[in-house]
Amino acid sequence: RVPPPGMVVADSYGFDPRPVAEMGRLQSAMEQIAETCRLRSIDLPACFVDIQRPQADRACGKIRPEEFVRCCPLATSTPAHPAVLDRDDVELVLARYTDECGFFRLFP
């Protein structure tokens, strides 16, 4: 449905991350994510390409939070590497980057 004149199309201006109470902890988690991706040569968006979702959602980086948790290599442990993020850090990242429609945004 086309919005009436003067109305804004959803996401036409991008996404503004939500404020969280523990910004210092979030910053630490984000730095840990960036450093681990750099050291292990992880292309984080590439970890989610096989998830079935509309092309429009794929283009703007929308993913369901449960799919992010399931597919994110930093949120799960392997025999070679422990999880980089604990459950509380994952919840904090999800709280910050989940939009009002309930989608996690891979890039704001």
PDB file of N, CA and C in Angstrom:
ATOM      1  N   ARG A   1       0.834  -1.165   0.000  1.00  0.00           N
ATOM      2  CA  ARG A   1       0.000   0.000   0.000  1.00  0.00           C
ATOM      3  C   ARG A   1       0.892   1.245   0.000  1.00  0.00           C
ATOM      4  N   VAL A   2       0.537   2.204  -0.803  1.00  0.00           N
ATOM      5  CA  VAL A   2       1.297   3.446  -0.913  1.00  0.00           C
ATOM      6  C   VAL A   2       0.794   4.409   0.164  1.00  0.00           C
ATOM      7  N   PRO A   3       1.706   4.964   0.964  1.00  0.00           N
ATOM      8  CA  PRO A   3       1.268   5.918   1.984  1.00  0.00           C
ATOM      9  C   PRO A   3       0.726   7.201   1.353  1.00  0.00           C
ATOM     10  N   PRO A   4      -0.161   7.894   2.071  1.00  0.00           N
ATOM     11  CA  PRO A   4      -0.680   9.161   1.546  1.00  0.00           C
ATOM     12  C   PRO A   4       0.429  10.210   1.454  1.00  0.00           C
ATOM     13  N   PRO A   5       0.238  11.227   0.643  1.00  0.00           N
ATOM     14  CA  PRO A   5       1.255  12.277   0.515  1.00  0.00           C
ATOM     15  C   PRO A   5       1.620  12.859   1.882  1.00  0.00           C
ATOM     16  N   GLY A   6       2.906  13.081   2.067  1.00  0.00           N
ATOM     17  CA  GLY A   6       3.393  13.647   3.322  1.00  0.00           C
ATOM     18  C   GLY A   6       3.800  12.604   4.342  1.00  0.00           C
ATOM     19  N   MET A   7       3.423  11.357   4.135  1.00  0.00           N
ATOM     20  CA  MET A   7       3.800  10.285   5.057  1.00  0.00           C
ATOM     21  C   MET A   7       5.150   9.717   4.615  1.00  0.00           C
ATOM     22  N   VAL A   8       5.878   9.159   5.549  1.00  0.00           N
ATOM     23  CA  VAL A   8       7.203   8.616   5.271  1.00  0.00           C
ATOM     24  C   VAL A   8       7.103   7.112   5.066  1.00  0.00           C
ATOM     25  N   VAL A   9       7.785   6.622   4.070  1.00  0.00           N
ATOM     26  CA  VAL A   9       7.865   5.189   3.843  1.00  0.00           C
ATOM     27  C   VAL A   9       8.785   4.611   4.913  1.00  0.00           C
ATOM     28  N   ALA A  10       8.386   3.496   5.528  1.00  0.00           N
ATOM     29  CA  ALA A  10       9.188   2.887   6.593  1.00  0.00           C
ATOM     30  C   ALA A  10      10.618   2.643   6.117  1.00  0.00           C
ATOM     31  N   ASP A  11      11.557   2.971   6.941  1.00  0.00           N
ATOM     32  CA  ASP A  11      12.988   2.763   6.696  1.00  0.00           C
ATOM     33  C   ASP A  11      13.581   3.651   5.598  1.00  0.00           C
ATOM     34  N   SER A  12      12.821   4.600   5.073  1.00  0.00           N
ATOM     35  CA  SER A  12      13.374   5.431   4.014  1.00  0.00           C
ATOM     36  C   SER A  12      14.479   6.350   4.529  1.00  0.00           C
ATOM     37  N   TYR A  13      14.499   6.596   5.835  1.00  0.00           N
ATOM     38  CA  TYR A  13      15.539   7.431   6.430  1.00  0.00           C
ATOM     39  C   TYR A  13      16.554   6.606   7.219  1.00  0.00           C
ATOM     40  N   GLY A  14      16.516   5.292   7.069  1.00  0.00           N
ATOM     41  CA  GLY A  14      17.445   4.436   7.792  1.00  0.00           C
ATOM     42  C   GLY A  14      16.907   4.016   9.144  1.00  0.00           C
ATOM     43  N   PHE A  15      17.783   3.553   9.989  1.00  0.00           N
ATOM     44  CA  PHE A  15      17.413   3.028  11.300  1.00  0.00           C
ATOM     45  C   PHE A  15      18.260   3.709  12.357  1.00  0.00           C
ATOM     46  N   ASP A  16      17.623   4.171  13.411  1.00  0.00           N
ATOM     47  CA  ASP A  16      18.340   4.759  14.530  1.00  0.00           C
ATOM     48  C   ASP A  16      18.424   3.724  15.645  1.00  0.00           C
ATOM     49  N   PRO A  17      19.635   3.304  16.022  1.00  0.00           N
ATOM     50  CA  PRO A  17      19.769   2.342  17.116  1.00  0.00           C
ATOM     51  C   PRO A  17      19.095   2.854  18.386  1.00  0.00           C
ATOM     52  N   ARG A  18      18.557   1.923  19.153  1.00  0.00           N
ATOM     53  CA  ARG A  18      17.865   2.270  20.388  1.00  0.00           C
ATOM     54  C   ARG A  18      18.858   2.495  21.521  1.00  0.00           C
ATOM     55  N   PRO A  19      18.526   3.386  22.420  1.00  0.00           N
ATOM     56  CA  PRO A  19      19.399   3.571  23.588  1.00  0.00           C
ATOM     57  C   PRO A  19      19.288   2.362  24.524  1.00  0.00           C
ATOM     58  N   VAL A  20      20.389   2.046  25.174  1.00  0.00           N
ATOM     59  CA  VAL A  20      20.405   0.982  26.181  1.00  0.00           C
ATOM     60  C   VAL A  20      21.015   1.543  27.460  1.00  0.00           C
ATOM     61  N   ALA A  21      20.653   0.940  28.570  1.00  0.00           N
ATOM     62  CA  ALA A  21      21.114   1.445  29.870  1.00  0.00           C
ATOM     63  C   ALA A  21      22.619   1.260  30.066  1.00  0.00           C
ATOM     64  N   GLU A  22      23.172   0.208  29.518  1.00  0.00           N
ATOM     65  CA  GLU A  22      24.584  -0.120  29.745  1.00  0.00           C
ATOM     66  C   GLU A  22      25.425   0.179  28.502  1.00  0.00           C
ATOM     67  N   MET A  23      25.542   1.447  28.152  1.00  0.00           N
ATOM     68  CA  MET A  23      26.285   1.826  26.949  1.00  0.00           C
ATOM     69  C   MET A  23      27.763   1.452  27.035  1.00  0.00           C
ATOM     70  N   GLY A  24      28.364   1.535  28.217  1.00  0.00           N
ATOM     71  CA  GLY A  24      29.767   1.153  28.369  1.00  0.00           C
ATOM     72  C   GLY A  24      29.979  -0.323  28.082  1.00  0.00           C
ATOM     73  N   ARG A  25      29.091  -1.143  28.587  1.00  0.00           N
ATOM     74  CA  ARG A  25      29.179  -2.583  28.347  1.00  0.00           C
ATOM     75  C   ARG A  25      28.925  -2.897  26.876  1.00  0.00           C
ATOM     76  N   LEU A  26      27.964  -2.193  26.268  1.00  0.00           N
ATOM     77  CA  LEU A  26      27.695  -2.378  24.848  1.00  0.00           C
ATOM     78  C   LEU A  26      28.922  -2.005  24.032  1.00  0.00           C
ATOM     79  N   GLN A  27      29.546  -0.884  24.349  1.00  0.00           N
ATOM     80  CA  GLN A  27      30.745  -0.445  23.626  1.00  0.00           C
ATOM     81  C   GLN A  27      31.841  -1.493  23.725  1.00  0.00           C
ATOM     82  N   SER A  28      32.010  -2.062  24.901  1.00  0.00           N
ATOM     83  CA  SER A  28      33.011  -3.113  25.098  1.00  0.00           C
ATOM     84  C   SER A  28      32.687  -4.340  24.247  1.00  0.00           C
ATOM     85  N   ALA A  29      31.416  -4.729  24.216  1.00  0.00           N
ATOM     86  CA  ALA A  29      31.005  -5.880  23.404  1.00  0.00           C
ATOM     87  C   ALA A  29      31.227  -5.605  21.920  1.00  0.00           C
ATOM     88  N   MET A  30      30.906  -4.397  21.467  1.00  0.00           N
ATOM     89  CA  MET A  30      31.088  -4.049  20.061  1.00  0.00           C
ATOM     90  C   MET A  30      32.571  -4.032  19.679  1.00  0.00           C
ATOM     91  N   GLU A  31      33.411  -3.549  20.576  1.00  0.00           N
ATOM     92  CA  GLU A  31      34.857  -3.573  20.322  1.00  0.00           C
ATOM     93  C   GLU A  31      35.363  -5.015  20.263  1.00  0.00           C
ATOM     94  N   GLN A  32      34.834  -5.854  21.128  1.00  0.00           N
ATOM     95  CA  GLN A  32      35.220  -7.269  21.130  1.00  0.00           C
ATOM     96  C   GLN A  32      34.790  -7.943  19.826  1.00  0.00           C
ATOM     97  N   ILE A  33      33.590  -7.610  19.349  1.00  0.00           N
ATOM     98  CA  ILE A  33      33.107  -8.152  18.077  1.00  0.00           C
ATOM     99  C   ILE A  33      34.028  -7.709  16.946  1.00  0.00           C
ATOM    100  N   ALA A  34      34.331  -6.424  16.879  1.00  0.00           N
ATOM    101  CA  ALA A  34      35.176  -5.891  15.806  1.00  0.00           C
ATOM    102  C   ALA A  34      36.569  -6.514  15.831  1.00  0.00           C
ATOM    103  N   GLU A  35      37.157  -6.609  17.012  1.00  0.00           N
ATOM    104  CA  GLU A  35      38.510  -7.168  17.130  1.00  0.00           C
ATOM    105  C   GLU A  35      38.531  -8.652  16.749  1.00  0.00           C
ATOM    106  N   THR A  36      37.543  -9.398  17.193  1.00  0.00           N
ATOM    107  CA  THR A  36      37.498 -10.827  16.865  1.00  0.00           C
ATOM    108  C   THR A  36      37.274 -11.034  15.375  1.00  0.00           C
ATOM    109  N   CYS A  37      36.393 -10.250  14.774  1.00  0.00           N
ATOM    110  CA  CYS A  37      36.174 -10.356  13.327  1.00  0.00           C
ATOM    111  C   CYS A  37      37.449 -10.027  12.562  1.00  0.00           C
ATOM    112  N   ARG A  38      38.172  -9.033  13.031  1.00  0.00           N
ATOM    113  CA  ARG A  38      39.427  -8.660  12.369  1.00  0.00           C
ATOM    114  C   ARG A  38      40.465  -9.758  12.510  1.00  0.00           C
ATOM    115  N   LEU A  39      40.643 -10.275  13.727  1.00  0.00           N
ATOM    116  CA  LEU A  39      41.673 -11.290  13.977  1.00  0.00           C
ATOM    117  C   LEU A  39      41.381 -12.618  13.293  1.00  0.00           C
ATOM    118  N   ARG A  40      40.111 -12.996  13.234  1.00  0.00           N
ATOM    119  CA  ARG A  40      39.735 -14.282  12.642  1.00  0.00           C
ATOM    120  C   ARG A  40      39.264 -14.155  11.199  1.00  0.00           C
ATOM    121  N   SER A  41      39.345 -12.954  10.648  1.00  0.00           N
ATOM    122  CA  SER A  41      38.896 -12.680   9.272  1.00  0.00           C
ATOM    123  C   SER A  41      37.453 -13.129   9.053  1.00  0.00           C
ATOM    124  N   ILE A  42      36.576 -12.754   9.975  1.00  0.00           N
ATOM    125  CA  ILE A  42      35.161 -13.104   9.879  1.00  0.00           C
ATOM    126  C   ILE A  42      34.419 -11.975   9.176  1.00  0.00           C
ATOM    127  N   ASP A  43      33.725 -12.323   8.095  1.00  0.00           N
ATOM    128  CA  ASP A  43      32.843 -11.377   7.416  1.00  0.00           C
ATOM    129  C   ASP A  43      31.454 -11.614   7.986  1.00  0.00           C
ATOM    130  N   LEU A  44      31.098 -10.874   9.015  1.00  0.00           N
ATOM    131  CA  LEU A  44      29.881 -11.132   9.770  1.00  0.00           C
ATOM    132  C   LEU A  44      28.614 -11.154   8.897  1.00  0.00           C
ATOM    133  N   PRO A  45      28.389 -10.179   7.999  1.00  0.00           N
ATOM    134  CA  PRO A  45      27.185 -10.252   7.163  1.00  0.00           C
ATOM    135  C   PRO A  45      27.124 -11.522   6.305  1.00  0.00           C
ATOM    136  N   ALA A  46      28.282 -12.070   5.916  1.00  0.00           N
ATOM    137  CA  ALA A  46      28.294 -13.285   5.104  1.00  0.00           C
ATOM    138  C   ALA A  46      27.776 -14.501   5.876  1.00  0.00           C
ATOM    139  N   CYS A  47      27.773 -14.431   7.191  1.00  0.00           N
ATOM    140  CA  CYS A  47      27.284 -15.546   8.007  1.00  0.00           C
ATOM    141  C   CYS A  47      25.774 -15.704   7.906  1.00  0.00           C
ATOM    142  N   PHE A  48      25.090 -14.722   7.336  1.00  0.00           N
ATOM    143  CA  PHE A  48      23.631 -14.727   7.317  1.00  0.00           C
ATOM    144  C   PHE A  48      23.044 -14.812   5.909  1.00  0.00           C
ATOM    145  N   VAL A  49      23.860 -15.051   4.882  1.00  0.00           N
ATOM    146  CA  VAL A  49      23.360 -15.035   3.506  1.00  0.00           C
ATOM    147  C   VAL A  49      22.441 -16.210   3.188  1.00  0.00           C
ATOM    148  N   ASP A  50      22.573 -17.334   3.869  1.00  0.00           N
ATOM    149  CA  ASP A  50      21.757 -18.507   3.569  1.00  0.00           C
ATOM    150  C   ASP A  50      20.386 -18.488   4.236  1.00  0.00           C
ATOM    151  N   ILE A  51      20.118 -17.487   5.040  1.00  0.00           N
ATOM    152  CA  ILE A  51      18.831 -17.400   5.722  1.00  0.00           C
ATOM    153  C   ILE A  51      17.774 -16.930   4.728  1.00  0.00           C
ATOM    154  N   GLN A  52      16.656 -17.641   4.697  1.00  0.00           N
ATOM    155  CA  GLN A  52      15.553 -17.280   3.810  1.00  0.00           C
ATOM    156  C   GLN A  52      14.888 -16.004   4.312  1.00  0.00           C
ATOM    157  N   ARG A  53      14.914 -14.971   3.504  1.00  0.00           N
ATOM    158  CA  ARG A  53      14.245 -13.720   3.826  1.00  0.00           C
ATOM    159  C   ARG A  53      14.054 -12.938   2.544  1.00  0.00           C
ATOM    160  N   PRO A  54      13.090 -12.035   2.523  1.00  0.00           N
ATOM    161  CA  PRO A  54      12.853 -11.250   1.306  1.00  0.00           C
ATOM    162  C   PRO A  54      14.083 -10.443   0.910  1.00  0.00           C
ATOM    163  N   GLN A  55      14.217 -10.205  -0.378  1.00  0.00           N
ATOM    164  CA  GLN A  55      15.359  -9.444  -0.883  1.00  0.00           C
ATOM    165  C   GLN A  55      15.419  -8.053  -0.271  1.00  0.00           C
ATOM    166  N   ALA A  56      14.263  -7.441  -0.043  1.00  0.00           N
ATOM    167  CA  ALA A  56      14.247  -6.103   0.563  1.00  0.00           C
ATOM    168  C   ALA A  56      14.833  -6.144   1.972  1.00  0.00           C
ATOM    169  N   ASP A  57      14.500  -7.183   2.753  1.00  0.00           N
ATOM    170  CA  ASP A  57      15.065  -7.325   4.096  1.00  0.00           C
ATOM    171  C   ASP A  57      16.563  -7.586   4.028  1.00  0.00           C
ATOM    172  N   ARG A  58      16.966  -8.389   3.081  1.00  0.00           N
ATOM    173  CA  ARG A  58      18.391  -8.696   2.897  1.00  0.00           C
ATOM    174  C   ARG A  58      19.167  -7.415   2.556  1.00  0.00           C
ATOM    175  N   ALA A  59      18.609  -6.593   1.688  1.00  0.00           N
ATOM    176  CA  ALA A  59      19.290  -5.375   1.239  1.00  0.00           C
ATOM    177  C   ALA A  59      19.460  -4.358   2.364  1.00  0.00           C
ATOM    178  N   CYS A  60      18.491  -4.297   3.276  1.00  0.00           N
ATOM    179  CA  CYS A  60      18.624  -3.306   4.350  1.00  0.00           C
ATOM    180  C   CYS A  60      19.111  -3.936   5.654  1.00  0.00           C
ATOM    181  N   GLY A  61      19.534  -5.204   5.610  1.00  0.00           N
ATOM    182  CA  GLY A  61      20.164  -5.833   6.765  1.00  0.00           C
ATOM    183  C   GLY A  61      19.215  -6.288   7.851  1.00  0.00           C
ATOM    184  N   LYS A  62      17.970  -6.577   7.506  1.00  0.00           N
ATOM    185  CA  LYS A  62      17.008  -7.050   8.505  1.00  0.00           C
ATOM    186  C   LYS A  62      17.102  -8.561   8.660  1.00  0.00           C
ATOM    187  N   ILE A  63      17.080  -8.997   9.908  1.00  0.00           N
ATOM    188  CA  ILE A  63      17.109 -10.417  10.220  1.00  0.00           C
ATOM    189  C   ILE A  63      16.358 -10.621  11.537  1.00  0.00           C
ATOM    190  N   ARG A  64      15.720 -11.758  11.683  1.00  0.00           N
ATOM    191  CA  ARG A  64      15.029 -12.038  12.947  1.00  0.00           C
ATOM    192  C   ARG A  64      16.070 -12.258  14.047  1.00  0.00           C
ATOM    193  N   PRO A  65      15.816 -11.751  15.250  1.00  0.00           N
ATOM    194  CA  PRO A  65      16.799 -11.891  16.335  1.00  0.00           C
ATOM    195  C   PRO A  65      17.204 -13.342  16.607  1.00  0.00           C
ATOM    196  N   GLU A  66      16.258 -14.273  16.553  1.00  0.00           N
ATOM    197  CA  GLU A  66      16.599 -15.673  16.813  1.00  0.00           C
ATOM    198  C   GLU A  66      17.507 -16.257  15.730  1.00  0.00           C
ATOM    199  N   GLU A  67      17.387 -15.756  14.497  1.00  0.00           N
ATOM    200  CA  GLU A  67      18.287 -16.199  13.430  1.00  0.00           C
ATOM    201  C   GLU A  67      19.684 -15.620  13.628  1.00  0.00           C
ATOM    202  N   PHE A  68      19.747 -14.381  14.111  1.00  0.00           N
ATOM    203  CA  PHE A  68      21.050 -13.788  14.412  1.00  0.00           C
ATOM    204  C   PHE A  68      21.774 -14.632  15.460  1.00  0.00           C
ATOM    205  N   VAL A  69      21.077 -14.968  16.535  1.00  0.00           N
ATOM    206  CA  VAL A  69      21.691 -15.755  17.613  1.00  0.00           C
ATOM    207  C   VAL A  69      22.115 -17.131  17.099  1.00  0.00           C
ATOM    208  N   ARG A  70      21.276 -17.742  16.283  1.00  0.00           N
ATOM    209  CA  ARG A  70      21.562 -19.090  15.782  1.00  0.00           C
ATOM    210  C   ARG A  70      22.748 -19.108  14.817  1.00  0.00           C
ATOM    211  N   CYS A  71      22.880 -18.087  13.986  1.00  0.00           N
ATOM    212  CA  CYS A  71      23.899 -18.087  12.932  1.00  0.00           C
ATOM    213  C   CYS A  71      25.159 -17.285  13.244  1.00  0.00           C
ATOM    214  N   CYS A  72      25.130 -16.482  14.273  1.00  0.00           N
ATOM    215  CA  CYS A  72      26.287 -15.648  14.590  1.00  0.00           C
ATOM    216  C   CYS A  72      27.410 -16.496  15.177  1.00  0.00           C
ATOM    217  N   PRO A  73      28.555 -16.541  14.527  1.00  0.00           N
ATOM    218  CA  PRO A  73      29.647 -17.374  15.038  1.00  0.00           C
ATOM    219  C   PRO A  73      30.243 -16.856  16.349  1.00  0.00           C
ATOM    220  N   LEU A  74      29.988 -15.621  16.698  1.00  0.00           N
ATOM    221  CA  LEU A  74      30.540 -15.067  17.928  1.00  0.00           C
ATOM    222  C   LEU A  74      29.678 -15.368  19.150  1.00  0.00           C
ATOM    223  N   ALA A  75      28.439 -15.813  18.908  1.00  0.00           N
ATOM    224  CA  ALA A  75      27.525 -16.090  20.006  1.00  0.00           C
ATOM    225  C   ALA A  75      27.464 -17.573  20.365  1.00  0.00           C
ATOM    226  N   THR A  76      28.181 -18.400  19.616  1.00  0.00           N
ATOM    227  CA  THR A  76      28.187 -19.837  19.884  1.00  0.00           C
ATOM    228  C   THR A  76      29.621 -20.319  20.075  1.00  0.00           C
ATOM    229  N   SER A  77      29.766 -21.349  20.848  1.00  0.00           N
ATOM    230  CA  SER A  77      31.106 -21.903  21.063  1.00  0.00           C
ATOM    231  C   SER A  77      31.316 -23.098  20.140  1.00  0.00           C
ATOM    232  N   THR A  78      32.574 -23.342  19.839  1.00  0.00           N
ATOM    233  CA  THR A  78      32.981 -24.502  19.048  1.00  0.00           C
ATOM    234  C   THR A  78      34.098 -25.195  19.819  1.00  0.00           C
ATOM    235  N   PRO A  79      34.478 -26.392  19.402  1.00  0.00           N
ATOM    236  CA  PRO A  79      35.603 -27.036  20.086  1.00  0.00           C
ATOM    237  C   PRO A  79      36.896 -26.230  20.020  1.00  0.00           C
ATOM    238  N   ALA A  80      37.050 -25.420  18.959  1.00  0.00           N
ATOM    239  CA  ALA A  80      38.276 -24.636  18.794  1.00  0.00           C
ATOM    240  C   ALA A  80      38.221 -23.274  19.480  1.00  0.00           C
ATOM    241  N   HIS A  81      37.003 -22.715  19.621  1.00  0.00           N
ATOM    242  CA  HIS A  81      36.869 -21.363  20.170  1.00  0.00           C
ATOM    243  C   HIS A  81      35.656 -21.259  21.096  1.00  0.00           C
ATOM    244  N   PRO A  82      35.841 -20.672  22.260  1.00  0.00           N
ATOM    245  CA  PRO A  82      34.660 -20.402  23.106  1.00  0.00           C
ATOM    246  C   PRO A  82      33.866 -19.244  22.500  1.00  0.00           C
ATOM    247  N   ALA A  83      32.621 -19.103  22.909  1.00  0.00           N
ATOM    248  CA  ALA A  83      31.801 -17.995  22.428  1.00  0.00           C
ATOM    249  C   ALA A  83      32.445 -16.676  22.847  1.00  0.00           C
ATOM    250  N   VAL A  84      32.503 -15.733  21.933  1.00  0.00           N
ATOM    251  CA  VAL A  84      33.072 -14.419  22.214  1.00  0.00           C
ATOM    252  C   VAL A  84      32.097 -13.611  23.069  1.00  0.00           C
ATOM    253  N   LEU A  85      30.808 -13.736  22.751  1.00  0.00           N
ATOM    254  CA  LEU A  85      29.775 -12.998  23.467  1.00  0.00           C
ATOM    255  C   LEU A  85      29.006 -13.927  24.396  1.00  0.00           C
ATOM    256  N   ASP A  86      28.809 -13.493  25.632  1.00  0.00           N
ATOM    257  CA  ASP A  86      27.943 -14.281  26.508  1.00  0.00           C
ATOM    258  C   ASP A  86      26.495 -13.868  26.254  1.00  0.00           C
ATOM    259  N   ARG A  87      25.572 -14.579  26.848  1.00  0.00           N
ATOM    260  CA  ARG A  87      24.142 -14.349  26.600  1.00  0.00           C
ATOM    261  C   ARG A  87      23.734 -12.899  26.929  1.00  0.00           C
ATOM    262  N   ASP A  88      24.263 -12.347  28.009  1.00  0.00           N
ATOM    263  CA  ASP A  88      23.925 -10.968  28.380  1.00  0.00           C
ATOM    264  C   ASP A  88      24.405  -9.968  27.335  1.00  0.00           C
ATOM    265  N   ASP A  89      25.603 -10.199  26.776  1.00  0.00           N
ATOM    266  CA  ASP A  89      26.117  -9.314  25.725  1.00  0.00           C
ATOM    267  C   ASP A  89      25.261  -9.412  24.465  1.00  0.00           C
ATOM    268  N   VAL A  90      24.864 -10.636  24.115  1.00  0.00           N
ATOM    269  CA  VAL A  90      24.006 -10.830  22.942  1.00  0.00           C
ATOM    270  C   VAL A  90      22.686 -10.086  23.140  1.00  0.00           C
ATOM    271  N   GLU A  91      22.087 -10.218  24.317  1.00  0.00           N
ATOM    272  CA  GLU A  91      20.825  -9.534  24.595  1.00  0.00           C
ATOM    273  C   GLU A  91      20.984  -8.012  24.520  1.00  0.00           C
ATOM    274  N   LEU A  92      22.105  -7.510  24.969  1.00  0.00           N
ATOM    275  CA  LEU A  92      22.373  -6.070  24.915  1.00  0.00           C
ATOM    276  C   LEU A  92      22.497  -5.586  23.467  1.00  0.00           C
ATOM    277  N   VAL A  93      23.214  -6.336  22.645  1.00  0.00           N
ATOM    278  CA  VAL A  93      23.356  -5.993  21.225  1.00  0.00           C
ATOM    279  C   VAL A  93      21.993  -6.068  20.539  1.00  0.00           C
ATOM    280  N   LEU A  94      21.224  -7.098  20.848  1.00  0.00           N
ATOM    281  CA  LEU A  94      19.889  -7.225  20.258  1.00  0.00           C
ATOM    282  C   LEU A  94      18.992  -6.058  20.671  1.00  0.00           C
ATOM    283  N   ALA A  95      19.051  -5.662  21.933  1.00  0.00           N
ATOM    284  CA  ALA A  95      18.231  -4.542  22.404  1.00  0.00           C
ATOM    285  C   ALA A  95      18.592  -3.253  21.664  1.00  0.00           C
ATOM    286  N   ARG A  96      19.853  -3.041  21.403  1.00  0.00           N
ATOM    287  CA  ARG A  96      20.318  -1.821  20.747  1.00  0.00           C
ATOM    288  C   ARG A  96      19.934  -1.773  19.269  1.00  0.00           C
ATOM    289  N   TYR A  97      20.029  -2.909  18.579  1.00  0.00           N
ATOM    290  CA  TYR A  97      19.888  -2.917  17.125  1.00  0.00           C
ATOM    291  C   TYR A  97      18.653  -3.639  16.611  1.00  0.00           C
ATOM    292  N   THR A  98      17.625  -3.796  17.438  1.00  0.00           N
ATOM    293  CA  THR A  98      16.351  -4.352  16.975  1.00  0.00           C
ATOM    294  C   THR A  98      15.379  -3.196  16.761  1.00  0.00           C
ATOM    295  N   ASP A  99      14.752  -3.187  15.587  1.00  0.00           N
ATOM    296  CA  ASP A  99      13.861  -2.073  15.259  1.00  0.00           C
ATOM    297  C   ASP A  99      12.472  -2.268  15.864  1.00  0.00           C
ATOM    298  N   GLU A 100      11.599  -1.293  15.627  1.00  0.00           N
ATOM    299  CA  GLU A 100      10.266  -1.327  16.215  1.00  0.00           C
ATOM    300  C   GLU A 100       9.393  -2.442  15.639  1.00  0.00           C
ATOM    301  N   CYS A 101       9.798  -3.032  14.527  1.00  0.00           N
ATOM    302  CA  CYS A 101       9.060  -4.153  13.935  1.00  0.00           C
ATOM    303  C   CYS A 101       9.588  -5.507  14.423  1.00  0.00           C
ATOM    304  N   GLY A 102      10.618  -5.491  15.272  1.00  0.00           N
ATOM    305  CA  GLY A 102      11.155  -6.719  15.821  1.00  0.00           C
ATOM    306  C   GLY A 102      12.278  -7.353  15.039  1.00  0.00           C
ATOM    307  N   PHE A 103      12.815  -6.650  14.039  1.00  0.00           N
ATOM    308  CA  PHE A 103      13.920  -7.171  13.251  1.00  0.00           C
ATOM    309  C   PHE A 103      15.251  -6.643  13.797  1.00  0.00           C
ATOM    310  N   PHE A 104      16.247  -7.532  13.864  1.00  0.00           N
ATOM    311  CA  PHE A 104      17.608  -7.118  14.200  1.00  0.00           C
ATOM    312  C   PHE A 104      18.185  -6.509  12.928  1.00  0.00           C
ATOM    313  N   ARG A 105      18.902  -5.392  13.069  1.00  0.00           N
ATOM    314  CA  ARG A 105      19.485  -4.700  11.931  1.00  0.00           C
ATOM    315  C   ARG A 105      20.985  -4.940  11.896  1.00  0.00           C
ATOM    316  N   LEU A 106      21.456  -5.661  10.874  1.00  0.00           N
ATOM    317  CA  LEU A 106      22.876  -5.954  10.745  1.00  0.00           C
ATOM    318  C   LEU A 106      23.704  -4.691  10.545  1.00  0.00           C
ATOM    319  N   PHE A 107      23.135  -3.727   9.890  1.00  0.00           N
ATOM    320  CA  PHE A 107      23.796  -2.435   9.736  1.00  0.00           C
ATOM    321  C   PHE A 107      22.749  -1.353   9.837  1.00  0.00           C
ATOM    322  N   PRO A 108      22.986  -0.403  10.763  1.00  0.00           N
ATOM    323  CA  PRO A 108      21.997   0.667  10.978  1.00  0.00           C
ATOM    324  C   PRO A 108      21.943   1.653   9.819  1.00  0.00           C
TER     325      PRO A 108
END
